[in-house]
N, C-alpha and C. Protein backbone atom coordinates (compact mmCIF):
# COMPACT_ATOMS: atom_id res chain seq x y z
N MET A 1 84.81 -114.22 140.63
CA MET A 1 85.92 -115.15 140.54
C MET A 1 86.40 -114.28 139.18
N THR A 2 87.82 -113.92 138.73
CA THR A 2 88.02 -112.83 137.18
C THR A 2 87.92 -114.12 136.25
N PRO A 3 88.63 -113.93 135.26
CA PRO A 3 88.45 -114.84 134.07
C PRO A 3 89.80 -115.31 134.74
N LYS A 4 90.53 -115.04 135.11
CA LYS A 4 92.44 -115.85 135.35
C LYS A 4 91.89 -116.77 136.31
N ASP A 5 91.03 -115.73 137.38
CA ASP A 5 90.88 -117.54 138.54
C ASP A 5 89.86 -118.22 138.27
N ARG A 6 88.56 -118.03 137.11
CA ARG A 6 88.38 -119.62 136.42
C ARG A 6 88.83 -119.96 135.74
N ALA A 7 89.73 -119.81 135.00
CA ALA A 7 91.00 -120.39 133.59
C ALA A 7 91.27 -121.45 134.84
N LEU A 8 91.79 -120.95 136.50
CA LEU A 8 93.27 -121.97 137.07
C LEU A 8 91.92 -122.73 137.83
N ALA A 9 90.98 -122.72 138.40
CA ALA A 9 89.75 -123.61 138.64
C ALA A 9 89.37 -124.58 137.62
N ILE A 10 89.28 -124.39 136.48
CA ILE A 10 89.21 -125.53 135.36
C ILE A 10 90.25 -126.30 135.11
N GLY A 11 91.18 -125.84 135.06
CA GLY A 11 92.50 -126.49 135.06
C GLY A 11 93.01 -127.55 136.13
N LYS A 12 92.69 -126.80 137.07
CA LYS A 12 92.82 -127.74 138.38
C LYS A 12 91.77 -128.88 138.80
N ARG A 13 90.10 -128.55 137.96
CA ARG A 13 89.71 -130.17 137.98
C ARG A 13 89.62 -130.85 136.64
N ASP A 14 90.58 -130.49 135.60
CA ASP A 14 90.41 -131.38 134.59
C ASP A 14 91.50 -131.21 134.97
N ARG A 15 92.95 -131.39 134.25
CA ARG A 15 94.20 -131.12 133.85
C ARG A 15 94.47 -131.14 132.38
N VAL A 16 93.19 -132.19 131.78
CA VAL A 16 93.53 -132.10 130.43
C VAL A 16 93.20 -130.17 129.86
N PHE A 17 92.08 -129.66 130.55
CA PHE A 17 91.94 -128.62 130.08
C PHE A 17 93.67 -127.46 130.45
N ALA A 18 94.25 -127.59 131.40
CA ALA A 18 95.44 -126.84 131.35
C ALA A 18 96.71 -126.52 130.43
N THR A 19 96.79 -127.69 129.46
CA THR A 19 97.50 -126.92 128.95
C THR A 19 96.67 -126.57 127.14
N LEU A 20 95.46 -126.68 127.32
CA LEU A 20 94.98 -125.45 126.61
C LEU A 20 94.92 -124.00 127.04
N ILE A 21 94.46 -124.19 128.42
CA ILE A 21 94.56 -122.72 128.80
C ILE A 21 95.84 -122.11 128.45
N LYS A 22 97.37 -122.65 129.23
CA LYS A 22 98.32 -121.96 128.53
C LYS A 22 98.53 -121.44 127.21
N VAL A 23 98.05 -122.09 126.25
CA VAL A 23 97.63 -121.81 124.35
C VAL A 23 96.61 -120.34 124.69
N VAL A 24 95.43 -121.09 125.04
CA VAL A 24 94.57 -119.40 125.02
C VAL A 24 94.54 -118.92 125.93
N GLY A 25 95.42 -118.82 126.62
CA GLY A 25 94.82 -117.70 127.73
C GLY A 25 93.53 -117.97 128.58
N PRO A 26 93.02 -116.85 129.45
CA PRO A 26 91.90 -116.97 130.29
C PRO A 26 90.59 -116.62 129.60
N PRO A 27 89.69 -117.23 129.89
CA PRO A 27 88.16 -116.54 129.03
C PRO A 27 87.63 -115.27 129.34
N PRO A 28 86.88 -115.07 128.11
CA PRO A 28 87.23 -113.61 128.38
C PRO A 28 86.08 -113.23 129.31
N PRO A 29 86.12 -111.98 129.51
CA PRO A 29 85.02 -111.63 130.02
C PRO A 29 83.26 -111.19 130.23
N ARG A 30 82.64 -111.74 131.27
CA ARG A 30 81.47 -111.67 130.91
C ARG A 30 81.06 -110.43 130.65
N ARG A 31 79.96 -110.07 130.56
CA ARG A 31 79.03 -108.37 130.75
C ARG A 31 77.74 -108.03 130.11
N SER A 32 77.33 -108.43 130.94
CA SER A 32 75.37 -108.31 130.70
C SER A 32 75.43 -107.34 129.69
N ALA A 33 74.16 -107.62 128.83
CA ALA A 33 73.97 -106.37 127.68
C ALA A 33 72.76 -105.94 128.44
N PRO A 34 73.00 -104.39 127.82
CA PRO A 34 71.46 -104.11 128.65
C PRO A 34 70.15 -105.00 127.90
N VAL A 35 69.27 -103.99 128.27
CA VAL A 35 68.22 -104.98 128.78
C VAL A 35 67.31 -103.97 127.34
N ALA A 36 67.70 -103.17 126.44
CA ALA A 36 67.45 -102.86 125.95
C ALA A 36 67.76 -103.47 124.23
N ASP A 37 69.08 -104.29 124.82
CA ASP A 37 69.07 -105.06 123.86
C ASP A 37 68.78 -106.71 123.44
N ARG A 38 67.83 -106.98 124.60
CA ARG A 38 68.19 -108.35 124.55
C ARG A 38 67.06 -108.36 123.36
N PHE A 39 66.21 -107.86 123.20
CA PHE A 39 64.92 -108.20 122.34
C PHE A 39 65.75 -108.24 120.91
N SER A 40 66.77 -107.81 120.49
CA SER A 40 67.63 -107.41 119.44
C SER A 40 68.63 -108.91 118.96
N TYR A 41 69.09 -109.33 120.34
CA TYR A 41 69.70 -110.21 120.53
C TYR A 41 69.00 -111.27 120.19
N LEU A 42 67.86 -111.61 120.50
CA LEU A 42 66.83 -112.79 120.37
C LEU A 42 66.15 -113.26 119.25
N ALA A 43 66.01 -111.68 118.26
CA ALA A 43 65.69 -111.85 117.44
C ALA A 43 66.97 -112.83 115.82
N ARG A 44 67.61 -111.76 116.36
CA ARG A 44 68.95 -112.20 115.47
C ARG A 44 68.87 -113.52 115.20
N SER A 45 69.04 -114.54 116.83
CA SER A 45 69.00 -115.78 117.05
C SER A 45 67.84 -116.46 116.21
N ILE A 46 67.30 -116.05 115.54
CA ILE A 46 65.68 -116.25 114.98
C ILE A 46 66.39 -116.75 114.36
N THR A 47 66.85 -115.52 113.46
CA THR A 47 67.30 -115.49 112.25
C THR A 47 68.17 -116.29 111.71
N PHE A 48 69.18 -116.68 112.21
CA PHE A 48 70.87 -117.48 112.52
C PHE A 48 69.99 -119.01 112.54
N GLN A 49 69.28 -119.54 112.96
CA GLN A 49 68.75 -121.06 113.42
C GLN A 49 69.28 -121.88 111.71
N LEU A 50 69.76 -122.96 112.20
CA LEU A 50 70.41 -123.42 110.64
C LEU A 50 70.40 -122.71 109.21
N LEU A 51 71.22 -121.34 109.62
CA LEU A 51 71.58 -121.04 107.79
C LEU A 51 73.76 -120.78 108.13
N ALA A 52 74.00 -120.59 107.43
CA ALA A 52 75.42 -120.59 107.24
C ALA A 52 75.71 -119.27 107.62
N THR A 53 76.54 -119.22 108.22
CA THR A 53 76.87 -117.29 108.94
C THR A 53 76.43 -116.38 107.79
N LYS A 54 77.29 -116.11 106.45
CA LYS A 54 77.10 -115.56 105.81
C LYS A 54 76.00 -115.09 105.30
N ALA A 55 74.84 -116.10 104.87
CA ALA A 55 73.59 -115.98 104.41
C ALA A 55 72.73 -115.29 105.45
N ALA A 56 73.13 -115.83 106.73
CA ALA A 56 72.14 -115.16 108.08
C ALA A 56 73.03 -113.44 108.43
N ASN A 57 73.72 -113.15 108.07
CA ASN A 57 74.22 -111.96 108.11
C ASN A 57 73.11 -110.94 107.33
N THR A 58 73.76 -111.58 105.97
CA THR A 58 72.79 -110.75 105.03
C THR A 58 71.44 -110.78 105.62
N ILE A 59 71.16 -111.64 105.20
CA ILE A 59 69.20 -111.51 105.10
C ILE A 59 68.60 -111.10 106.85
N HIS A 60 70.12 -110.60 107.86
CA HIS A 60 69.40 -110.16 109.08
C HIS A 60 70.04 -108.99 109.00
N GLN A 61 70.86 -108.77 108.31
CA GLN A 61 71.25 -106.83 107.86
C GLN A 61 69.87 -106.82 107.54
N ARG A 62 69.40 -107.47 106.20
CA ARG A 62 68.12 -106.76 105.89
C ARG A 62 66.91 -106.33 106.28
N VAL A 63 66.37 -107.69 107.87
CA VAL A 63 65.55 -107.32 109.02
C VAL A 63 66.03 -106.04 109.47
N VAL A 64 67.38 -105.49 109.94
CA VAL A 64 67.69 -104.70 110.53
C VAL A 64 67.01 -103.16 109.66
N ASP A 65 67.40 -103.33 108.31
CA ASP A 65 67.07 -101.91 107.16
C ASP A 65 65.89 -101.80 107.47
N LEU A 66 64.78 -103.43 106.68
CA LEU A 66 63.37 -102.37 107.91
C LEU A 66 63.05 -102.41 108.27
N CYS A 67 63.60 -102.54 109.47
CA CYS A 67 63.45 -101.94 110.59
C CYS A 67 64.04 -100.68 111.23
N ASP A 68 64.51 -99.76 110.23
CA ASP A 68 65.28 -98.38 110.06
C ASP A 68 66.06 -98.42 110.96
N GLY A 69 66.81 -99.43 111.28
CA GLY A 69 68.23 -99.60 111.97
C GLY A 69 67.91 -100.45 113.73
N THR A 70 66.80 -100.10 114.30
CA THR A 70 66.44 -100.00 115.00
C THR A 70 65.82 -101.79 115.18
N VAL A 71 65.81 -103.12 115.80
CA VAL A 71 65.45 -103.69 115.87
C VAL A 71 64.56 -104.12 116.74
N SER A 72 63.05 -104.15 117.13
CA SER A 72 62.27 -103.95 118.61
C SER A 72 61.49 -104.38 118.05
N ALA A 73 60.27 -105.19 119.50
CA ALA A 73 59.41 -105.40 119.03
C ALA A 73 57.84 -103.90 118.44
N ASP A 74 58.39 -103.37 118.35
CA ASP A 74 57.75 -102.74 117.57
C ASP A 74 57.56 -102.42 116.10
N THR A 75 58.97 -102.19 116.21
CA THR A 75 59.57 -102.25 115.00
C THR A 75 59.00 -103.55 113.97
N ILE A 76 59.48 -104.80 113.97
CA ILE A 76 59.33 -106.26 113.53
C ILE A 76 57.83 -106.14 113.93
N THR A 77 56.81 -105.68 114.44
CA THR A 77 55.44 -105.44 114.26
C THR A 77 55.07 -104.66 113.18
N LYS A 78 55.51 -103.72 113.22
CA LYS A 78 54.36 -102.73 112.26
C LYS A 78 55.12 -103.27 110.41
N ALA A 79 56.81 -103.96 110.37
CA ALA A 79 56.76 -105.04 109.25
C ALA A 79 55.40 -105.71 108.96
N GLY A 80 55.49 -106.48 110.15
CA GLY A 80 54.57 -107.29 109.57
C GLY A 80 55.17 -108.62 108.83
N HIS A 81 54.47 -109.78 108.94
CA HIS A 81 54.76 -110.85 108.14
C HIS A 81 55.15 -110.80 106.62
N ALA A 82 54.28 -110.62 105.61
CA ALA A 82 55.01 -109.96 104.80
C ALA A 82 55.96 -109.42 104.26
N ASN A 83 56.49 -109.08 104.45
CA ASN A 83 57.34 -107.77 104.89
C ASN A 83 59.00 -108.53 104.93
N LEU A 84 58.51 -109.26 106.19
CA LEU A 84 59.73 -110.24 106.69
C LEU A 84 59.89 -111.21 106.35
N ARG A 85 59.27 -111.79 104.91
CA ARG A 85 59.41 -112.94 104.18
C ARG A 85 59.82 -112.08 103.17
N GLY A 86 59.66 -111.01 103.08
CA GLY A 86 60.27 -110.28 101.52
C GLY A 86 61.65 -110.53 101.80
N VAL A 87 62.17 -110.36 103.06
CA VAL A 87 63.46 -109.76 103.17
C VAL A 87 64.23 -111.07 103.80
N GLY A 88 64.15 -112.70 103.48
CA GLY A 88 64.72 -113.15 103.04
C GLY A 88 63.93 -114.99 104.40
N LEU A 89 63.87 -114.13 105.54
CA LEU A 89 62.91 -115.24 106.47
C LEU A 89 61.66 -116.11 105.43
N SER A 90 62.47 -117.37 106.65
CA SER A 90 61.18 -118.38 105.98
C SER A 90 60.03 -118.10 106.39
N ASN A 91 59.00 -118.71 106.21
CA ASN A 91 57.95 -118.19 107.17
C ASN A 91 57.57 -118.98 108.34
N ALA A 92 58.27 -120.21 108.72
CA ALA A 92 58.59 -120.05 110.35
C ALA A 92 59.55 -119.24 110.58
N LYS A 93 60.53 -118.84 110.64
CA LYS A 93 61.59 -117.32 111.39
C LYS A 93 60.90 -116.53 111.29
N ALA A 94 59.56 -115.84 110.08
CA ALA A 94 58.63 -114.77 110.09
C ALA A 94 57.72 -115.02 111.56
N ALA A 95 57.01 -116.00 111.54
CA ALA A 95 55.67 -116.19 112.31
C ALA A 95 57.12 -115.93 114.21
N ALA A 96 57.95 -116.49 113.89
CA ALA A 96 58.89 -117.08 115.14
C ALA A 96 58.79 -115.20 115.88
N MET A 97 59.36 -114.39 115.05
CA MET A 97 59.88 -113.24 115.09
C MET A 97 59.14 -112.08 115.55
N LEU A 98 57.83 -112.72 115.26
CA LEU A 98 56.53 -111.22 115.21
C LEU A 98 55.72 -112.15 116.51
N ASP A 99 56.01 -113.84 117.39
CA ASP A 99 55.84 -114.83 118.21
C ASP A 99 56.00 -113.13 119.09
N LEU A 100 58.22 -113.12 118.77
CA LEU A 100 58.25 -112.80 120.11
C LEU A 100 58.09 -111.20 120.56
N ALA A 101 57.54 -110.79 119.14
CA ALA A 101 57.04 -109.62 119.36
C ALA A 101 55.90 -108.98 120.20
N GLU A 102 54.92 -109.80 119.74
CA GLU A 102 53.61 -109.88 120.55
C GLU A 102 53.52 -110.03 122.10
N ARG A 103 54.67 -110.90 122.45
CA ARG A 103 55.22 -111.58 124.08
C ARG A 103 56.06 -110.35 124.15
N ALA A 104 56.81 -109.52 123.77
CA ALA A 104 57.25 -108.55 124.17
C ALA A 104 56.76 -107.44 124.47
N ARG A 105 55.57 -107.15 124.06
CA ARG A 105 54.58 -106.22 123.77
C ARG A 105 53.44 -106.18 125.02
N ASP A 106 53.21 -107.71 125.22
CA ASP A 106 52.13 -107.96 126.25
C ASP A 106 52.41 -108.44 127.16
N GLY A 107 54.04 -108.50 127.33
CA GLY A 107 54.45 -108.81 128.92
C GLY A 107 54.74 -110.52 129.10
N ARG A 108 54.97 -111.28 127.94
CA ARG A 108 54.80 -112.48 128.58
C ARG A 108 55.90 -113.07 128.53
N ILE A 109 56.63 -112.87 127.40
CA ILE A 109 58.55 -112.82 128.13
C ILE A 109 58.97 -111.21 128.35
N HIS A 110 59.39 -112.43 130.03
CA HIS A 110 60.22 -110.92 130.76
C HIS A 110 60.92 -109.60 130.70
N LEU A 111 62.32 -109.65 129.14
CA LEU A 111 63.12 -109.05 129.06
C LEU A 111 63.72 -108.14 130.43
N ALA A 112 63.14 -107.14 130.59
CA ALA A 112 63.39 -106.27 131.45
C ALA A 112 63.94 -107.39 133.34
N GLN A 113 62.94 -108.39 133.08
CA GLN A 113 63.75 -109.22 134.58
C GLN A 113 64.25 -110.44 134.50
N HIS A 114 64.90 -110.51 133.20
CA HIS A 114 65.63 -111.54 133.23
C HIS A 114 67.27 -111.50 134.01
N GLY A 115 68.40 -110.19 133.67
CA GLY A 115 69.01 -110.41 134.85
C GLY A 115 69.18 -110.69 136.02
N ARG A 116 67.71 -110.61 136.80
CA ARG A 116 67.29 -110.81 137.79
C ARG A 116 66.50 -112.17 138.36
N MET A 117 66.29 -113.10 137.50
CA MET A 117 65.78 -114.29 137.67
C MET A 117 66.32 -115.62 137.14
N SER A 118 65.75 -116.58 137.65
CA SER A 118 66.93 -117.31 137.58
C SER A 118 67.35 -118.44 136.50
N ASP A 119 68.72 -118.66 135.74
CA ASP A 119 68.82 -119.59 134.96
C ASP A 119 67.90 -120.22 134.21
N HIS A 120 67.29 -121.17 134.67
CA HIS A 120 65.95 -121.77 134.93
C HIS A 120 64.75 -121.45 134.20
N ASP A 121 64.03 -120.35 135.11
CA ASP A 121 63.31 -119.68 134.59
C ASP A 121 63.19 -118.54 133.70
N VAL A 122 64.83 -118.23 133.12
CA VAL A 122 64.73 -117.45 132.20
C VAL A 122 64.59 -117.91 130.77
N LEU A 123 65.01 -119.83 131.22
CA LEU A 123 65.36 -120.58 129.75
C LEU A 123 63.42 -120.99 129.66
N THR A 124 63.00 -121.25 130.68
CA THR A 124 61.46 -121.51 130.88
C THR A 124 60.70 -120.21 129.96
N ASP A 125 61.16 -119.00 130.31
CA ASP A 125 60.45 -118.09 129.62
C ASP A 125 60.82 -118.00 128.01
N VAL A 126 62.03 -118.41 127.34
CA VAL A 126 62.61 -117.97 126.15
C VAL A 126 61.73 -118.63 125.61
N VAL A 127 62.13 -120.35 125.92
CA VAL A 127 61.79 -121.18 125.13
C VAL A 127 60.13 -121.45 125.60
N ALA A 128 59.32 -120.65 125.45
CA ALA A 128 58.15 -120.56 125.21
C ALA A 128 57.75 -119.76 123.90
N VAL A 129 58.78 -118.98 123.43
CA VAL A 129 58.39 -117.93 122.03
C VAL A 129 58.76 -119.24 121.26
N ARG A 130 57.73 -119.21 120.08
CA ARG A 130 57.62 -119.50 119.32
C ARG A 130 59.17 -119.83 118.31
N GLY A 131 59.69 -121.75 117.85
CA GLY A 131 60.50 -121.08 117.52
C GLY A 131 61.95 -120.77 117.81
N ILE A 132 61.70 -120.94 118.95
CA ILE A 132 63.69 -120.51 120.04
C ILE A 132 63.39 -122.16 120.96
N GLY A 133 64.49 -122.80 120.98
CA GLY A 133 64.44 -124.04 121.70
C GLY A 133 65.78 -123.64 122.76
N PRO A 134 65.96 -124.83 123.43
CA PRO A 134 66.98 -124.20 124.10
C PRO A 134 68.65 -124.15 124.29
N TRP A 135 68.60 -124.66 122.73
CA TRP A 135 70.21 -124.18 122.96
C TRP A 135 70.15 -122.15 122.48
N THR A 136 69.25 -121.79 121.72
CA THR A 136 69.54 -120.54 121.82
C THR A 136 69.01 -119.81 123.54
N ALA A 137 68.32 -120.01 123.58
CA ALA A 137 68.35 -119.77 125.18
C ALA A 137 68.86 -120.00 125.86
N GLN A 138 70.16 -120.71 126.11
CA GLN A 138 71.03 -120.88 126.49
C GLN A 138 71.94 -120.06 126.17
N MET A 139 72.69 -119.70 124.74
CA MET A 139 73.55 -118.88 123.99
C MET A 139 73.18 -117.48 124.75
N TYR A 140 71.79 -117.24 125.12
CA TYR A 140 71.55 -115.74 125.51
C TYR A 140 71.49 -115.92 126.96
N LEU A 141 71.58 -116.96 127.84
CA LEU A 141 72.16 -116.90 128.68
C LEU A 141 73.86 -116.32 128.91
N MET A 142 73.86 -117.20 128.18
CA MET A 142 76.19 -116.90 127.98
C MET A 142 76.50 -116.16 127.72
N HIS A 143 75.71 -115.59 126.68
CA HIS A 143 76.54 -114.35 126.02
C HIS A 143 75.50 -112.79 126.66
N THR A 144 74.24 -112.84 125.99
CA THR A 144 73.88 -111.73 126.74
C THR A 144 73.48 -111.51 127.92
N LEU A 145 73.24 -111.98 128.54
CA LEU A 145 73.09 -112.11 130.18
C LEU A 145 74.19 -112.61 131.38
N ALA A 146 75.24 -112.77 130.32
CA ALA A 146 76.56 -112.73 130.89
C ALA A 146 76.63 -113.99 131.77
N ARG A 147 75.64 -115.42 132.26
CA ARG A 147 75.87 -116.26 132.99
C ARG A 147 76.95 -117.11 132.55
N HIS A 148 78.10 -117.46 134.23
CA HIS A 148 78.97 -118.68 133.78
C HIS A 148 78.35 -119.56 134.48
N ASP A 149 77.56 -120.07 134.63
CA ASP A 149 77.02 -121.48 134.77
C ASP A 149 76.02 -122.40 133.78
N VAL A 150 76.71 -122.06 132.28
CA VAL A 150 75.28 -122.72 131.27
C VAL A 150 76.02 -123.77 130.67
N TRP A 151 75.80 -125.05 130.86
CA TRP A 151 76.79 -126.26 130.45
C TRP A 151 75.82 -126.54 129.14
N PRO A 152 75.65 -126.05 127.40
CA PRO A 152 74.93 -127.05 126.42
C PRO A 152 75.80 -128.02 125.56
N THR A 153 75.32 -128.87 126.38
CA THR A 153 75.32 -130.43 126.04
C THR A 153 75.40 -130.71 125.25
N GLY A 154 74.11 -130.32 124.14
CA GLY A 154 73.50 -130.30 123.33
C GLY A 154 74.24 -129.63 122.21
N ASP A 155 75.23 -129.01 121.65
CA ASP A 155 76.19 -127.54 121.29
C ASP A 155 76.94 -128.88 120.44
N LEU A 156 77.18 -129.00 119.32
CA LEU A 156 78.37 -130.09 118.53
C LEU A 156 79.34 -129.49 118.85
N GLY A 157 79.69 -127.95 119.16
CA GLY A 157 81.03 -127.35 119.22
C GLY A 157 81.68 -128.15 120.73
N VAL A 158 80.53 -127.79 121.45
CA VAL A 158 81.07 -127.94 123.03
C VAL A 158 81.55 -129.58 122.87
N ARG A 159 80.88 -130.56 122.35
CA ARG A 159 81.00 -132.15 122.33
C ARG A 159 82.38 -132.34 121.33
N ASN A 160 81.81 -131.52 120.32
CA ASN A 160 83.70 -131.97 119.71
C ASN A 160 84.67 -131.71 120.54
N GLY A 161 85.14 -130.23 120.51
CA GLY A 161 85.65 -130.08 121.46
C GLY A 161 86.32 -130.99 122.52
N TRP A 162 85.28 -131.38 123.57
CA TRP A 162 85.43 -132.54 124.89
C TRP A 162 85.93 -133.21 124.05
N SER A 163 85.42 -133.95 123.13
CA SER A 163 86.14 -135.62 122.46
C SER A 163 87.48 -135.06 122.15
N LEU A 164 87.83 -133.76 121.63
CA LEU A 164 89.53 -133.70 121.19
C LEU A 164 90.13 -133.15 122.31
N LEU A 165 89.65 -132.73 123.63
CA LEU A 165 90.50 -132.95 124.34
C LEU A 165 90.97 -133.95 125.30
N HIS A 166 89.69 -134.55 125.08
CA HIS A 166 89.94 -135.94 125.90
C HIS A 166 90.08 -136.73 125.30
N GLU A 167 91.20 -137.58 123.87
CA GLU A 167 91.00 -138.26 122.50
C GLU A 167 90.19 -138.56 122.93
N LEU A 168 89.03 -139.06 122.63
CA LEU A 168 87.89 -139.96 122.65
C LEU A 168 87.89 -140.44 120.71
N GLU A 169 87.84 -141.69 120.84
CA GLU A 169 87.72 -142.25 119.74
C GLU A 169 85.92 -141.65 119.06
N GLU A 170 85.03 -142.21 120.09
CA GLU A 170 83.81 -140.84 119.32
C GLU A 170 83.15 -140.06 119.61
N MET A 171 82.67 -139.36 119.21
CA MET A 171 82.20 -137.50 119.87
C MET A 171 81.27 -138.28 121.25
N VAL A 172 81.78 -137.19 122.85
CA VAL A 172 80.89 -137.64 123.26
C VAL A 172 79.19 -137.53 123.71
N THR A 173 78.37 -139.06 123.94
CA THR A 173 77.27 -138.14 123.82
C THR A 173 76.95 -137.00 124.74
N GLU A 174 75.39 -136.67 124.79
CA GLU A 174 74.55 -135.47 125.75
C GLU A 174 74.72 -135.84 126.66
N ILE A 175 74.54 -137.03 127.39
CA ILE A 175 74.13 -137.59 128.07
C ILE A 175 75.58 -137.90 129.40
N ASP A 176 76.92 -138.42 128.60
CA ASP A 176 78.06 -138.37 129.39
C ASP A 176 78.43 -136.94 129.30
N LEU A 177 78.60 -135.78 128.41
CA LEU A 177 78.36 -134.79 128.81
C LEU A 177 77.94 -134.15 129.63
N LYS A 178 76.89 -134.36 129.97
CA LYS A 178 76.03 -133.79 131.19
C LYS A 178 76.43 -133.97 132.67
N ARG A 179 76.94 -135.75 131.98
CA ARG A 179 77.07 -135.64 133.42
C ARG A 179 78.78 -134.91 134.02
N HIS A 180 79.98 -135.34 132.86
CA HIS A 180 81.08 -134.59 132.90
C HIS A 180 81.30 -133.37 133.31
N GLY A 181 80.26 -132.70 133.09
CA GLY A 181 79.94 -131.35 133.88
C GLY A 181 80.20 -131.22 134.60
N ASP A 182 79.66 -131.96 135.40
CA ASP A 182 79.00 -132.16 137.05
C ASP A 182 80.36 -131.43 138.09
N VAL A 183 81.56 -131.46 137.07
CA VAL A 183 82.76 -131.22 138.56
C VAL A 183 83.05 -129.91 138.34
N PHE A 184 82.25 -129.28 136.96
CA PHE A 184 82.64 -127.96 136.59
C PHE A 184 81.48 -126.81 137.57
N GLU A 185 81.19 -127.19 138.23
CA GLU A 185 79.84 -126.47 138.48
C GLU A 185 79.99 -124.91 139.03
N GLY A 186 80.27 -124.01 138.26
CA GLY A 186 80.02 -122.82 138.67
C GLY A 186 80.71 -122.16 137.79
N VAL A 187 81.72 -122.60 136.60
CA VAL A 187 82.37 -121.97 135.68
C VAL A 187 81.89 -122.69 133.92
N ARG A 188 80.62 -123.64 134.27
CA ARG A 188 80.72 -124.20 132.90
C ARG A 188 80.23 -123.58 131.81
N SER A 189 80.09 -122.33 131.57
CA SER A 189 80.26 -121.48 130.49
C SER A 189 81.29 -121.57 130.23
N ASP A 190 82.27 -121.39 131.00
CA ASP A 190 83.83 -121.35 130.53
C ASP A 190 84.21 -122.52 130.22
N VAL A 191 84.12 -123.30 130.23
CA VAL A 191 84.06 -124.52 130.21
C VAL A 191 84.10 -124.72 128.44
N ALA A 192 82.93 -124.34 128.21
CA ALA A 192 82.68 -124.78 126.97
C ALA A 192 82.64 -123.67 126.45
N TRP A 193 83.82 -122.19 126.51
CA TRP A 193 84.68 -121.45 125.54
C TRP A 193 85.69 -122.49 125.49
N TYR A 194 86.12 -122.50 126.33
CA TYR A 194 87.26 -123.78 126.36
C TYR A 194 87.25 -125.13 125.26
N CYS A 195 85.92 -125.45 125.13
CA CYS A 195 86.09 -127.01 123.89
C CYS A 195 85.58 -126.15 123.02
N TRP A 196 85.14 -124.66 122.70
CA TRP A 196 85.10 -124.22 121.32
C TRP A 196 86.52 -123.88 120.77
N GLN A 197 87.60 -123.68 121.79
CA GLN A 197 88.94 -123.26 121.30
C GLN A 197 89.46 -123.88 121.15
N ALA A 198 88.78 -125.19 121.79
CA ALA A 198 89.85 -126.26 120.75
C ALA A 198 89.41 -126.74 119.81
N VAL A 199 88.32 -126.95 118.72
CA VAL A 199 87.83 -127.33 117.91
C VAL A 199 88.28 -126.09 117.26
N HIS A 200 88.71 -124.49 117.11
CA HIS A 200 89.13 -123.78 116.51
C HIS A 200 90.90 -124.11 116.01
N LEU A 201 91.50 -124.15 116.94
CA LEU A 201 92.71 -124.62 117.61
C LEU A 201 93.01 -126.16 116.31
N SER A 202 92.42 -127.20 116.14
CA SER A 202 92.72 -128.23 116.00
C SER A 202 92.29 -128.16 113.84
N ARG A 203 91.57 -127.19 113.90
CA ARG A 203 91.11 -126.49 112.72
C ARG A 203 92.52 -125.84 111.73
N GLU A 204 92.89 -125.69 112.60
CA GLU A 204 94.27 -124.55 112.33
C GLU A 204 95.23 -125.19 111.85
N GLN A 205 95.31 -126.86 112.75
CA GLN A 205 96.75 -127.10 112.22
C GLN A 205 96.53 -127.93 110.85
């Protein structure tokens, strides 16, 4: 399905989205990132956890500089825990990044095979890394592997956007959102994107 086809399908399944689709257009095309970029994406996601974007960008740029411009399993391992702490990572995040590197080096995380694995198997593989939870793994599926049917019910932006679009008095629960997503099977990544757009538009008003 093209982005336009996916937008039409979403609008037909829930007319609430049809007005938003007219405003923001079709969702962006999804393209899987090269295998070589998968480690660096996960490493970056560790840096960004529970930090404001500006601070996270600053710290992660220091990590990139520490790795001479290339964040890989080898360069993270070479940097070591003390140096990772020295550029601003917390003790837990430095340990998580080193665990990711160790798993990539010894094959316990199958980055090169993720493109051929099911969503469930990728999630299982990624959340085994210290410090990486389901939300980070779902973002990896959506943005790095370009999967079309990821439904991040724990994402506050998705929950907020859904609630705004459906004019709910209280924010939808994760349990209810999971159930609501069933009708969108096959295009749930794009539904999540539209929920984020609803939040952005509400902030501009």
